[in-house]
Amino acid sequence: MGWFGVIVLMAIESTAIPLPSEIIMPLAGWYLVLDQGHGVPHVLLAGLWGAIGSLIGSLVEYYISKWGGRPIIEKYGKYLLITPHDLNRAERWFQTRGELTVFVARMIPGVRGFISIPAGIARMNVIKFSVFTFLGALPWTLGLAWGGFLLGENYNSIRHVSKPFDIPIIGTVIFFVVWFLWRRIRQVRAG
């Protein structure tokens, strides 16, 4: 699918659908730049197209959240452990710190695909949201494309070395998710 595929896949990734940019962008740096015999300027192009795809997907999620997010969360939020107090606090946060929050969150795995939801619910200014989404996504996509360009065909060797760490990492993540949910359920029930 070429560069169009990078845009589409990064747009999907930015809508909280589990399609990791950590796979998309390094492969773009490897297959669309290195294997095609292109140099560093094309790595910049890969980062740019990835950031544009991130922006497109984030805007879709932003508008869905802006138009329907608050009523849905007010009705079903208790099933997601979100209280009206949490919703009001998030809105206040985005009114004062929205730009920085979006910028930083676009570079954090696991958070980047969801940051558009609270920004949309809080009705953050769409121009500021777009600018800070793009500026936050660009270093992320560029760094991942650069990594794919540098790793190239050594990807399989690196994967062989990193494979033993999969289970401890997954176990740690599961532990923290369970701990967070247990703690959150207790807070919601106490409130």
N, C-alpha and C. Protein backbone atom coordinates (compact mmCIF):
# COMPACT_ATOMS: atom_id res chain seq x y z
N MET A 1 0.82 -1.21 0.00
CA MET A 1 0.00 0.00 0.00
C MET A 1 0.86 1.26 0.00
N GLY A 2 2.15 1.16 0.25
CA GLY A 2 3.04 2.30 0.17
C GLY A 2 2.74 3.37 1.21
N TRP A 3 2.96 4.62 0.80
CA TRP A 3 2.79 5.75 1.73
C TRP A 3 1.33 5.92 2.13
N PHE A 4 0.42 5.65 1.20
CA PHE A 4 -1.00 5.71 1.53
C PHE A 4 -1.33 4.72 2.65
N GLY A 5 -0.72 3.55 2.61
CA GLY A 5 -0.91 2.55 3.65
C GLY A 5 -0.42 3.03 5.01
N VAL A 6 0.69 3.78 5.01
CA VAL A 6 1.21 4.33 6.27
C VAL A 6 0.18 5.29 6.86
N ILE A 7 -0.39 6.16 6.02
CA ILE A 7 -1.39 7.12 6.49
C ILE A 7 -2.61 6.39 7.04
N VAL A 8 -3.12 5.43 6.29
CA VAL A 8 -4.32 4.70 6.71
C VAL A 8 -4.07 3.93 8.00
N LEU A 9 -2.97 3.20 8.08
CA LEU A 9 -2.69 2.40 9.27
C LEU A 9 -2.45 3.28 10.50
N MET A 10 -1.77 4.41 10.33
CA MET A 10 -1.55 5.31 11.46
C MET A 10 -2.84 6.00 11.87
N ALA A 11 -3.73 6.24 10.91
CA ALA A 11 -5.05 6.81 11.27
C ALA A 11 -5.83 5.80 12.10
N ILE A 12 -5.79 4.54 11.70
CA ILE A 12 -6.47 3.49 12.47
C ILE A 12 -5.85 3.39 13.86
N GLU A 13 -4.54 3.41 13.94
CA GLU A 13 -3.84 3.32 15.22
C GLU A 13 -4.23 4.45 16.17
N SER A 14 -4.51 5.60 15.62
CA SER A 14 -4.83 6.77 16.44
C SER A 14 -6.29 6.82 16.87
N THR A 15 -7.06 5.81 16.53
CA THR A 15 -8.46 5.75 16.96
C THR A 15 -8.68 4.68 18.01
N ALA A 16 -7.66 4.39 18.78
CA ALA A 16 -7.74 3.44 19.90
C ALA A 16 -7.98 2.00 19.45
N ILE A 17 -7.82 1.73 18.17
CA ILE A 17 -7.88 0.35 17.68
C ILE A 17 -6.47 -0.21 17.83
N PRO A 18 -6.33 -1.40 18.41
CA PRO A 18 -5.00 -1.92 18.71
C PRO A 18 -4.21 -2.33 17.46
N LEU A 19 -3.61 -1.36 16.83
CA LEU A 19 -2.72 -1.56 15.69
C LEU A 19 -1.47 -0.74 15.99
N PRO A 20 -0.45 -1.33 16.58
CA PRO A 20 0.66 -0.56 17.15
C PRO A 20 1.50 0.19 16.12
N SER A 21 1.72 1.46 16.41
CA SER A 21 2.61 2.27 15.59
C SER A 21 4.04 1.75 15.68
N GLU A 22 4.33 1.03 16.76
CA GLU A 22 5.66 0.46 16.95
C GLU A 22 5.96 -0.64 15.93
N ILE A 23 4.95 -1.08 15.22
CA ILE A 23 5.16 -2.03 14.12
C ILE A 23 5.07 -1.29 12.78
N ILE A 24 4.08 -0.43 12.64
CA ILE A 24 3.83 0.26 11.37
C ILE A 24 5.01 1.11 10.93
N MET A 25 5.46 2.00 11.81
CA MET A 25 6.48 2.98 11.40
C MET A 25 7.87 2.36 11.20
N PRO A 26 8.33 1.44 12.05
CA PRO A 26 9.62 0.82 11.74
C PRO A 26 9.60 0.05 10.41
N LEU A 27 8.47 -0.61 10.13
CA LEU A 27 8.38 -1.32 8.86
C LEU A 27 8.38 -0.33 7.69
N ALA A 28 7.76 0.83 7.89
CA ALA A 28 7.80 1.87 6.84
C ALA A 28 9.24 2.32 6.62
N GLY A 29 9.97 2.54 7.71
CA GLY A 29 11.37 2.94 7.59
C GLY A 29 12.23 1.88 6.92
N TRP A 30 11.88 0.63 7.13
CA TRP A 30 12.65 -0.46 6.55
C TRP A 30 12.23 -0.73 5.11
N TYR A 31 10.94 -1.05 4.91
CA TYR A 31 10.48 -1.47 3.58
C TYR A 31 10.32 -0.33 2.58
N LEU A 32 9.83 0.81 3.05
CA LEU A 32 9.54 1.90 2.10
C LEU A 32 10.73 2.84 1.90
N VAL A 33 11.71 2.76 2.78
CA VAL A 33 12.87 3.64 2.63
C VAL A 33 14.12 2.82 2.33
N LEU A 34 14.56 2.02 3.28
CA LEU A 34 15.82 1.29 3.13
C LEU A 34 15.77 0.31 1.97
N ASP A 35 14.74 -0.54 1.90
CA ASP A 35 14.66 -1.54 0.83
C ASP A 35 14.46 -0.93 -0.54
N GLN A 36 13.94 0.28 -0.61
CA GLN A 36 13.74 0.95 -1.88
C GLN A 36 14.98 1.73 -2.31
N GLY A 37 16.01 1.70 -1.46
CA GLY A 37 17.26 2.38 -1.79
C GLY A 37 17.22 3.88 -1.55
N HIS A 38 16.27 4.36 -0.76
CA HIS A 38 16.16 5.77 -0.46
C HIS A 38 17.00 6.11 0.77
N GLY A 39 17.26 7.37 0.95
CA GLY A 39 18.07 7.81 2.08
C GLY A 39 17.26 8.50 3.16
N VAL A 40 17.99 9.25 3.98
CA VAL A 40 17.42 9.91 5.15
C VAL A 40 16.25 10.84 4.82
N PRO A 41 16.28 11.59 3.69
CA PRO A 41 15.11 12.44 3.41
C PRO A 41 13.79 11.65 3.35
N HIS A 42 13.85 10.41 2.91
CA HIS A 42 12.62 9.61 2.87
C HIS A 42 12.20 9.13 4.25
N VAL A 43 13.16 9.04 5.18
CA VAL A 43 12.80 8.74 6.57
C VAL A 43 11.98 9.90 7.12
N LEU A 44 12.38 11.13 6.79
CA LEU A 44 11.62 12.31 7.20
C LEU A 44 10.22 12.28 6.58
N LEU A 45 10.16 11.84 5.33
CA LEU A 45 8.86 11.72 4.65
C LEU A 45 7.99 10.67 5.35
N ALA A 46 8.59 9.56 5.74
CA ALA A 46 7.84 8.52 6.46
C ALA A 46 7.28 9.08 7.76
N GLY A 47 8.10 9.82 8.51
CA GLY A 47 7.64 10.43 9.76
C GLY A 47 6.51 11.41 9.51
N LEU A 48 6.62 12.20 8.44
CA LEU A 48 5.59 13.18 8.10
C LEU A 48 4.27 12.48 7.77
N TRP A 49 4.31 11.46 6.90
CA TRP A 49 3.08 10.74 6.54
C TRP A 49 2.48 10.04 7.75
N GLY A 50 3.33 9.50 8.61
CA GLY A 50 2.83 8.86 9.83
C GLY A 50 2.12 9.85 10.73
N ALA A 51 2.70 11.06 10.88
CA ALA A 51 2.08 12.09 11.72
C ALA A 51 0.76 12.58 11.12
N ILE A 52 0.71 12.67 9.79
CA ILE A 52 -0.54 13.08 9.13
C ILE A 52 -1.62 12.02 9.37
N GLY A 53 -1.25 10.74 9.26
CA GLY A 53 -2.20 9.67 9.55
C GLY A 53 -2.67 9.72 11.00
N SER A 54 -1.74 9.99 11.93
CA SER A 54 -2.11 10.12 13.34
C SER A 54 -3.10 11.25 13.55
N LEU A 55 -2.87 12.36 12.88
CA LEU A 55 -3.77 13.51 13.00
C LEU A 55 -5.16 13.18 12.48
N ILE A 56 -5.23 12.51 11.33
CA ILE A 56 -6.53 12.16 10.75
C ILE A 56 -7.32 11.26 11.70
N GLY A 57 -6.69 10.21 12.20
CA GLY A 57 -7.37 9.30 13.12
C GLY A 57 -7.76 9.98 14.42
N SER A 58 -6.89 10.86 14.91
CA SER A 58 -7.18 11.58 16.15
C SER A 58 -8.37 12.52 15.98
N LEU A 59 -8.47 13.15 14.82
CA LEU A 59 -9.60 14.05 14.58
C LEU A 59 -10.92 13.28 14.50
N VAL A 60 -10.90 12.10 13.92
CA VAL A 60 -12.11 11.27 13.88
C VAL A 60 -12.55 10.96 15.31
N GLU A 61 -11.60 10.49 16.12
CA GLU A 61 -11.92 10.15 17.51
C GLU A 61 -12.32 11.38 18.31
N TYR A 62 -11.68 12.51 18.05
CA TYR A 62 -12.00 13.77 18.73
C TYR A 62 -13.46 14.16 18.48
N TYR A 63 -13.87 14.15 17.20
CA TYR A 63 -15.24 14.58 16.87
C TYR A 63 -16.29 13.59 17.37
N ILE A 64 -16.00 12.31 17.32
CA ILE A 64 -16.94 11.33 17.89
C ILE A 64 -17.12 11.61 19.38
N SER A 65 -16.01 11.85 20.07
CA SER A 65 -16.07 12.13 21.51
C SER A 65 -16.76 13.46 21.80
N LYS A 66 -16.51 14.45 20.95
CA LYS A 66 -17.12 15.77 21.15
C LYS A 66 -18.63 15.70 21.00
N TRP A 67 -19.10 14.98 20.00
CA TRP A 67 -20.53 14.94 19.72
C TRP A 67 -21.30 13.97 20.59
N GLY A 68 -20.69 12.87 20.99
CA GLY A 68 -21.46 11.89 21.74
C GLY A 68 -20.82 11.37 23.00
N GLY A 69 -19.61 11.79 23.27
CA GLY A 69 -18.86 11.23 24.39
C GLY A 69 -19.43 11.47 25.76
N ARG A 70 -19.76 12.72 26.06
CA ARG A 70 -20.24 13.03 27.41
C ARG A 70 -21.56 12.32 27.73
N PRO A 71 -22.57 12.36 26.86
CA PRO A 71 -23.81 11.64 27.19
C PRO A 71 -23.59 10.13 27.37
N ILE A 72 -22.74 9.55 26.55
CA ILE A 72 -22.47 8.11 26.68
C ILE A 72 -21.76 7.82 27.99
N ILE A 73 -20.78 8.65 28.34
CA ILE A 73 -20.04 8.41 29.58
C ILE A 73 -20.93 8.69 30.79
N GLU A 74 -21.80 9.69 30.71
CA GLU A 74 -22.71 9.93 31.83
C GLU A 74 -23.65 8.75 32.04
N LYS A 75 -24.02 8.08 30.95
CA LYS A 75 -24.95 6.97 31.05
C LYS A 75 -24.24 5.65 31.40
N TYR A 76 -23.10 5.39 30.75
CA TYR A 76 -22.44 4.10 30.90
C TYR A 76 -21.06 4.17 31.58
N GLY A 77 -20.66 5.34 32.00
CA GLY A 77 -19.34 5.51 32.59
C GLY A 77 -19.08 4.66 33.81
N LYS A 78 -20.12 4.39 34.57
CA LYS A 78 -19.94 3.58 35.78
C LYS A 78 -19.42 2.20 35.44
N TYR A 79 -19.74 1.70 34.25
CA TYR A 79 -19.24 0.39 33.83
C TYR A 79 -17.77 0.46 33.42
N LEU A 80 -17.30 1.66 33.12
CA LEU A 80 -15.89 1.87 32.79
C LEU A 80 -15.12 2.47 33.96
N LEU A 81 -15.80 2.55 35.11
CA LEU A 81 -15.22 3.10 36.35
C LEU A 81 -14.93 4.59 36.22
N ILE A 82 -15.76 5.30 35.45
CA ILE A 82 -15.62 6.75 35.30
C ILE A 82 -16.82 7.40 35.99
N THR A 83 -16.53 8.25 36.94
CA THR A 83 -17.58 8.93 37.70
C THR A 83 -17.81 10.33 37.11
N PRO A 84 -18.94 10.96 37.42
CA PRO A 84 -19.16 12.35 36.97
C PRO A 84 -18.06 13.28 37.49
N HIS A 85 -17.57 13.01 38.69
CA HIS A 85 -16.45 13.81 39.23
C HIS A 85 -15.22 13.69 38.33
N ASP A 86 -14.92 12.47 37.85
CA ASP A 86 -13.78 12.26 36.95
C ASP A 86 -13.96 13.05 35.65
N LEU A 87 -15.17 13.04 35.15
CA LEU A 87 -15.48 13.74 33.90
C LEU A 87 -15.29 15.25 34.06
N ASN A 88 -15.80 15.80 35.15
CA ASN A 88 -15.63 17.24 35.40
C ASN A 88 -14.17 17.61 35.61
N ARG A 89 -13.44 16.76 36.32
CA ARG A 89 -12.02 17.02 36.56
C ARG A 89 -11.23 17.00 35.24
N ALA A 90 -11.56 16.05 34.37
CA ALA A 90 -10.89 15.98 33.07
C ALA A 90 -11.17 17.23 32.24
N GLU A 91 -12.41 17.70 32.27
CA GLU A 91 -12.74 18.91 31.52
C GLU A 91 -11.96 20.11 32.03
N ARG A 92 -11.87 20.27 33.35
CA ARG A 92 -11.09 21.38 33.91
C ARG A 92 -9.62 21.26 33.53
N TRP A 93 -9.11 20.04 33.55
CA TRP A 93 -7.70 19.80 33.20
C TRP A 93 -7.44 20.25 31.76
N PHE A 94 -8.31 19.84 30.84
CA PHE A 94 -8.10 20.18 29.43
C PHE A 94 -8.30 21.66 29.15
N GLN A 95 -9.08 22.35 29.96
CA GLN A 95 -9.24 23.79 29.77
C GLN A 95 -7.97 24.54 30.13
N THR A 96 -7.19 24.02 31.07
CA THR A 96 -5.99 24.73 31.51
C THR A 96 -4.69 24.12 30.97
N ARG A 97 -4.67 22.81 30.74
CA ARG A 97 -3.43 22.14 30.35
C ARG A 97 -3.60 21.26 29.12
N GLY A 98 -4.60 21.49 28.33
CA GLY A 98 -4.91 20.62 27.20
C GLY A 98 -3.82 20.51 26.17
N GLU A 99 -3.23 21.63 25.80
CA GLU A 99 -2.22 21.61 24.74
C GLU A 99 -1.02 20.75 25.13
N LEU A 100 -0.48 21.00 26.31
CA LEU A 100 0.67 20.23 26.77
C LEU A 100 0.31 18.75 26.95
N THR A 101 -0.87 18.49 27.46
CA THR A 101 -1.31 17.12 27.68
C THR A 101 -1.38 16.35 26.37
N VAL A 102 -1.98 16.96 25.35
CA VAL A 102 -2.09 16.31 24.05
C VAL A 102 -0.71 16.10 23.45
N PHE A 103 0.13 17.10 23.51
CA PHE A 103 1.48 17.01 22.95
C PHE A 103 2.26 15.85 23.56
N VAL A 104 2.29 15.79 24.88
CA VAL A 104 3.05 14.75 25.57
C VAL A 104 2.41 13.38 25.37
N ALA A 105 1.10 13.31 25.46
CA ALA A 105 0.40 12.03 25.36
C ALA A 105 0.59 11.39 23.99
N ARG A 106 0.78 12.18 22.95
CA ARG A 106 0.98 11.62 21.61
C ARG A 106 2.29 10.84 21.51
N MET A 107 3.15 10.97 22.51
CA MET A 107 4.43 10.25 22.49
C MET A 107 4.48 9.12 23.51
N ILE A 108 3.35 8.81 24.15
CA ILE A 108 3.33 7.77 25.17
C ILE A 108 2.54 6.57 24.65
N PRO A 109 3.22 5.43 24.49
CA PRO A 109 2.50 4.24 24.02
C PRO A 109 1.36 3.88 24.98
N GLY A 110 0.26 3.43 24.43
CA GLY A 110 -0.88 3.05 25.24
C GLY A 110 -1.81 4.21 25.57
N VAL A 111 -1.28 5.42 25.55
CA VAL A 111 -2.08 6.61 25.85
C VAL A 111 -2.39 7.35 24.56
N ARG A 112 -1.48 7.29 23.62
CA ARG A 112 -1.59 8.09 22.40
C ARG A 112 -2.89 7.86 21.64
N GLY A 113 -3.39 6.63 21.64
CA GLY A 113 -4.62 6.34 20.91
C GLY A 113 -5.89 6.74 21.63
N PHE A 114 -5.77 7.15 22.89
CA PHE A 114 -6.96 7.48 23.67
C PHE A 114 -7.06 8.96 24.04
N ILE A 115 -6.01 9.73 23.86
CA ILE A 115 -5.99 11.12 24.34
C ILE A 115 -7.04 11.99 23.64
N SER A 116 -7.45 11.60 22.45
CA SER A 116 -8.46 12.38 21.72
C SER A 116 -9.82 12.33 22.40
N ILE A 117 -10.09 11.26 23.13
CA ILE A 117 -11.40 11.10 23.78
C ILE A 117 -11.63 12.18 24.83
N PRO A 118 -10.73 12.33 25.83
CA PRO A 118 -10.99 13.40 26.80
C PRO A 118 -10.88 14.79 26.19
N ALA A 119 -10.02 14.94 25.18
CA ALA A 119 -9.91 16.25 24.52
C ALA A 119 -11.22 16.60 23.82
N GLY A 120 -11.86 15.64 23.17
CA GLY A 120 -13.13 15.88 22.50
C GLY A 120 -14.26 16.12 23.49
N ILE A 121 -14.30 15.32 24.55
CA ILE A 121 -15.35 15.50 25.56
C ILE A 121 -15.23 16.87 26.21
N ALA A 122 -13.98 17.31 26.45
CA ALA A 122 -13.75 18.62 27.07
C ALA A 122 -13.91 19.75 26.06
N ARG A 123 -14.16 19.41 24.80
CA ARG A 123 -14.35 20.39 23.72
C ARG A 123 -13.16 21.33 23.59
N MET A 124 -11.97 20.72 23.65
CA MET A 124 -10.73 21.48 23.44
C MET A 124 -10.79 22.13 22.06
N ASN A 125 -10.24 23.31 21.93
CA ASN A 125 -10.20 24.01 20.65
C ASN A 125 -9.59 23.08 19.60
N VAL A 126 -10.31 22.85 18.50
CA VAL A 126 -9.89 21.86 17.51
C VAL A 126 -8.60 22.27 16.80
N ILE A 127 -8.37 23.56 16.60
CA ILE A 127 -7.14 24.00 15.96
C ILE A 127 -5.95 23.70 16.86
N LYS A 128 -6.05 24.06 18.14
CA LYS A 128 -4.98 23.76 19.08
C LYS A 128 -4.78 22.25 19.21
N PHE A 129 -5.90 21.52 19.27
CA PHE A 129 -5.80 20.06 19.35
C PHE A 129 -5.04 19.51 18.14
N SER A 130 -5.37 19.99 16.96
CA SER A 130 -4.72 19.50 15.74
C SER A 130 -3.24 19.83 15.71
N VAL A 131 -2.90 21.06 16.06
CA VAL A 131 -1.49 21.47 16.06
C VAL A 131 -0.68 20.63 17.03
N PHE A 132 -1.17 20.49 18.26
CA PHE A 132 -0.40 19.77 19.27
C PHE A 132 -0.42 18.26 19.04
N THR A 133 -1.46 17.75 18.41
CA THR A 133 -1.47 16.34 18.03
C THR A 133 -0.40 16.09 16.98
N PHE A 134 -0.36 16.92 15.96
CA PHE A 134 0.64 16.75 14.90
C PHE A 134 2.06 16.92 15.45
N LEU A 135 2.28 17.96 16.26
CA LEU A 135 3.61 18.21 16.81
C LEU A 135 4.06 17.09 17.76
N GLY A 136 3.13 16.48 18.47
CA GLY A 136 3.47 15.38 19.35
C GLY A 136 3.66 14.07 18.61
N ALA A 137 2.91 13.88 17.53
CA ALA A 137 3.01 12.63 16.75
C ALA A 137 4.27 12.61 15.90
N LEU A 138 4.71 13.76 15.40
CA LEU A 138 5.85 13.79 14.47
C LEU A 138 7.14 13.21 15.05
N PRO A 139 7.58 13.61 16.25
CA PRO A 139 8.81 12.99 16.76
C PRO A 139 8.65 11.48 16.99
N TRP A 140 7.45 11.07 17.38
CA TRP A 140 7.19 9.65 17.61
C TRP A 140 7.30 8.86 16.31
N THR A 141 6.58 9.30 15.28
CA THR A 141 6.59 8.57 14.01
C THR A 141 7.95 8.65 13.34
N LEU A 142 8.58 9.80 13.45
CA LEU A 142 9.91 9.96 12.86
C LEU A 142 10.93 9.06 13.55
N GLY A 143 10.88 9.01 14.87
CA GLY A 143 11.80 8.16 15.62
C GLY A 143 11.62 6.68 15.30
N LEU A 144 10.36 6.26 15.18
CA LEU A 144 10.11 4.85 14.86
C LEU A 144 10.53 4.52 13.42
N ALA A 145 10.28 5.44 12.50
CA ALA A 145 10.72 5.21 11.11
C ALA A 145 12.24 5.18 11.03
N TRP A 146 12.89 6.07 11.78
CA TRP A 146 14.35 6.11 11.82
C TRP A 146 14.89 4.79 12.39
N GLY A 147 14.24 4.29 13.44
CA GLY A 147 14.65 3.01 14.03
C GLY A 147 14.53 1.88 13.02
N GLY A 148 13.45 1.83 12.27
CA GLY A 148 13.29 0.82 11.23
C GLY A 148 14.32 0.94 10.14
N PHE A 149 14.66 2.17 9.79
CA PHE A 149 15.69 2.42 8.78
C PHE A 149 17.05 1.92 9.27
N LEU A 150 17.37 2.19 10.54
CA LEU A 150 18.65 1.76 11.09
C LEU A 150 18.71 0.25 11.31
N LEU A 151 17.61 -0.32 11.78
CA LEU A 151 17.60 -1.76 12.05
C LEU A 151 17.58 -2.59 10.77
N GLY A 152 16.77 -2.12 9.83
CA GLY A 152 16.68 -2.82 8.55
C GLY A 152 16.49 -4.31 8.69
N GLU A 153 17.33 -5.04 8.03
CA GLU A 153 17.21 -6.49 8.02
C GLU A 153 17.65 -7.14 9.32
N ASN A 154 18.19 -6.38 10.26
CA ASN A 154 18.59 -6.93 11.55
C ASN A 154 17.41 -7.07 12.50
N TYR A 155 16.22 -6.71 12.05
CA TYR A 155 15.03 -6.77 12.89
C TYR A 155 14.84 -8.17 13.49
N ASN A 156 14.97 -9.20 12.67
CA ASN A 156 14.76 -10.56 13.15
C ASN A 156 15.80 -10.95 14.20
N SER A 157 17.03 -10.51 14.06
CA SER A 157 18.07 -10.80 15.05
C SER A 157 17.74 -10.13 16.37
N ILE A 158 17.32 -8.90 16.30
CA ILE A 158 16.97 -8.15 17.52
C ILE A 158 15.75 -8.79 18.17
N ARG A 159 14.79 -9.20 17.36
CA ARG A 159 13.59 -9.84 17.90
C ARG A 159 13.95 -11.14 18.62
N HIS A 160 14.90 -11.88 18.09
CA HIS A 160 15.35 -13.12 18.73
C HIS A 160 15.95 -12.84 20.11
N VAL A 161 16.71 -11.77 20.23
CA VAL A 161 17.33 -11.41 21.51
C VAL A 161 16.28 -10.90 22.50
N SER A 162 15.27 -10.15 22.02
CA SER A 162 14.29 -9.53 22.92
C SER A 162 13.15 -10.48 23.30
N LYS A 163 12.99 -11.58 22.61
CA LYS A 163 11.86 -12.48 22.85
C LYS A 163 11.77 -13.00 24.28
N PRO A 164 12.88 -13.34 24.96
CA PRO A 164 12.76 -13.82 26.35
C PRO A 164 12.16 -12.80 27.32
N PHE A 165 12.13 -11.56 26.95
CA PHE A 165 11.59 -10.52 27.82
C PHE A 165 10.08 -10.34 27.67
N ASP A 166 9.48 -10.99 26.68
CA ASP A 166 8.05 -10.83 26.43
C ASP A 166 7.19 -11.20 27.64
N ILE A 167 7.40 -12.37 28.19
CA ILE A 167 6.55 -12.85 29.30
C ILE A 167 6.71 -11.97 30.54
N PRO A 168 7.94 -11.62 30.96
CA PRO A 168 8.03 -10.72 32.13
C PRO A 168 7.37 -9.36 31.89
N ILE A 169 7.50 -8.83 30.69
CA ILE A 169 6.88 -7.53 30.40
C ILE A 169 5.36 -7.65 30.41
N ILE A 170 4.84 -8.68 29.76
CA ILE A 170 3.39 -8.88 29.73
C ILE A 170 2.86 -9.12 31.14
N GLY A 171 3.59 -9.92 31.93
CA GLY A 171 3.18 -10.18 33.31
C GLY A 171 3.13 -8.91 34.14
N THR A 172 4.13 -8.05 33.97
CA THR A 172 4.18 -6.78 34.70
C THR A 172 3.01 -5.89 34.30
N VAL A 173 2.73 -5.82 33.02
CA VAL A 173 1.61 -5.00 32.55
C VAL A 173 0.29 -5.53 33.11
N ILE A 174 0.10 -6.84 33.06
CA ILE A 174 -1.14 -7.43 33.60
C ILE A 174 -1.26 -7.13 35.09
N PHE A 175 -0.16 -7.26 35.83
CA PHE A 175 -0.19 -6.97 37.26
C PHE A 175 -0.66 -5.54 37.52
N PHE A 176 -0.08 -4.57 36.80
CA PHE A 176 -0.45 -3.18 37.02
C PHE A 176 -1.87 -2.87 36.58
N VAL A 177 -2.35 -3.51 35.52
CA VAL A 177 -3.73 -3.31 35.09
C VAL A 177 -4.69 -3.85 36.15
N VAL A 178 -4.43 -5.04 36.66
CA VAL A 178 -5.28 -5.63 37.70
C VAL A 178 -5.24 -4.76 38.96
N TRP A 179 -4.05 -4.33 39.35
CA TRP A 179 -3.90 -3.47 40.54
C TRP A 179 -4.68 -2.17 40.37
N PHE A 180 -4.57 -1.54 39.18
CA PHE A 180 -5.28 -0.30 38.92
C PHE A 180 -6.79 -0.51 38.98
N LEU A 181 -7.27 -1.57 38.32
CA LEU A 181 -8.72 -1.84 38.32
C LEU A 181 -9.23 -2.12 39.73
N TRP A 182 -8.51 -2.92 40.49
CA TRP A 182 -8.91 -3.21 41.87
C TRP A 182 -8.98 -1.93 42.69
N ARG A 183 -7.97 -1.08 42.57
CA ARG A 183 -7.93 0.19 43.30
C ARG A 183 -9.07 1.11 42.85
N ARG A 184 -9.29 1.17 41.54
CA ARG A 184 -10.33 2.05 40.99
C ARG A 184 -11.72 1.59 41.42
N ILE A 185 -11.97 0.30 41.40
CA ILE A 185 -13.27 -0.23 41.84
C ILE A 185 -13.52 0.14 43.29
N ARG A 186 -12.52 0.03 44.13
CA ARG A 186 -12.67 0.41 45.53
C ARG A 186 -12.98 1.89 45.67
N GLN A 187 -12.32 2.74 44.87
CA GLN A 187 -12.58 4.19 44.94
C GLN A 187 -14.00 4.51 44.51
N VAL A 188 -14.45 3.90 43.42
CA VAL A 188 -15.79 4.17 42.91
C VAL A 188 -16.85 3.70 43.89
N ARG A 189 -16.64 2.54 44.48
CA ARG A 189 -17.61 2.04 45.46
C ARG A 189 -17.64 2.89 46.71
N ALA A 190 -16.48 3.40 47.13
CA ALA A 190 -16.43 4.26 48.32
C ALA A 190 -17.12 5.59 48.07
N GLY A 191 -17.06 6.07 46.80
CA GLY A 191 -17.68 7.35 46.47
C GLY A 191 -19.15 7.19 46.26
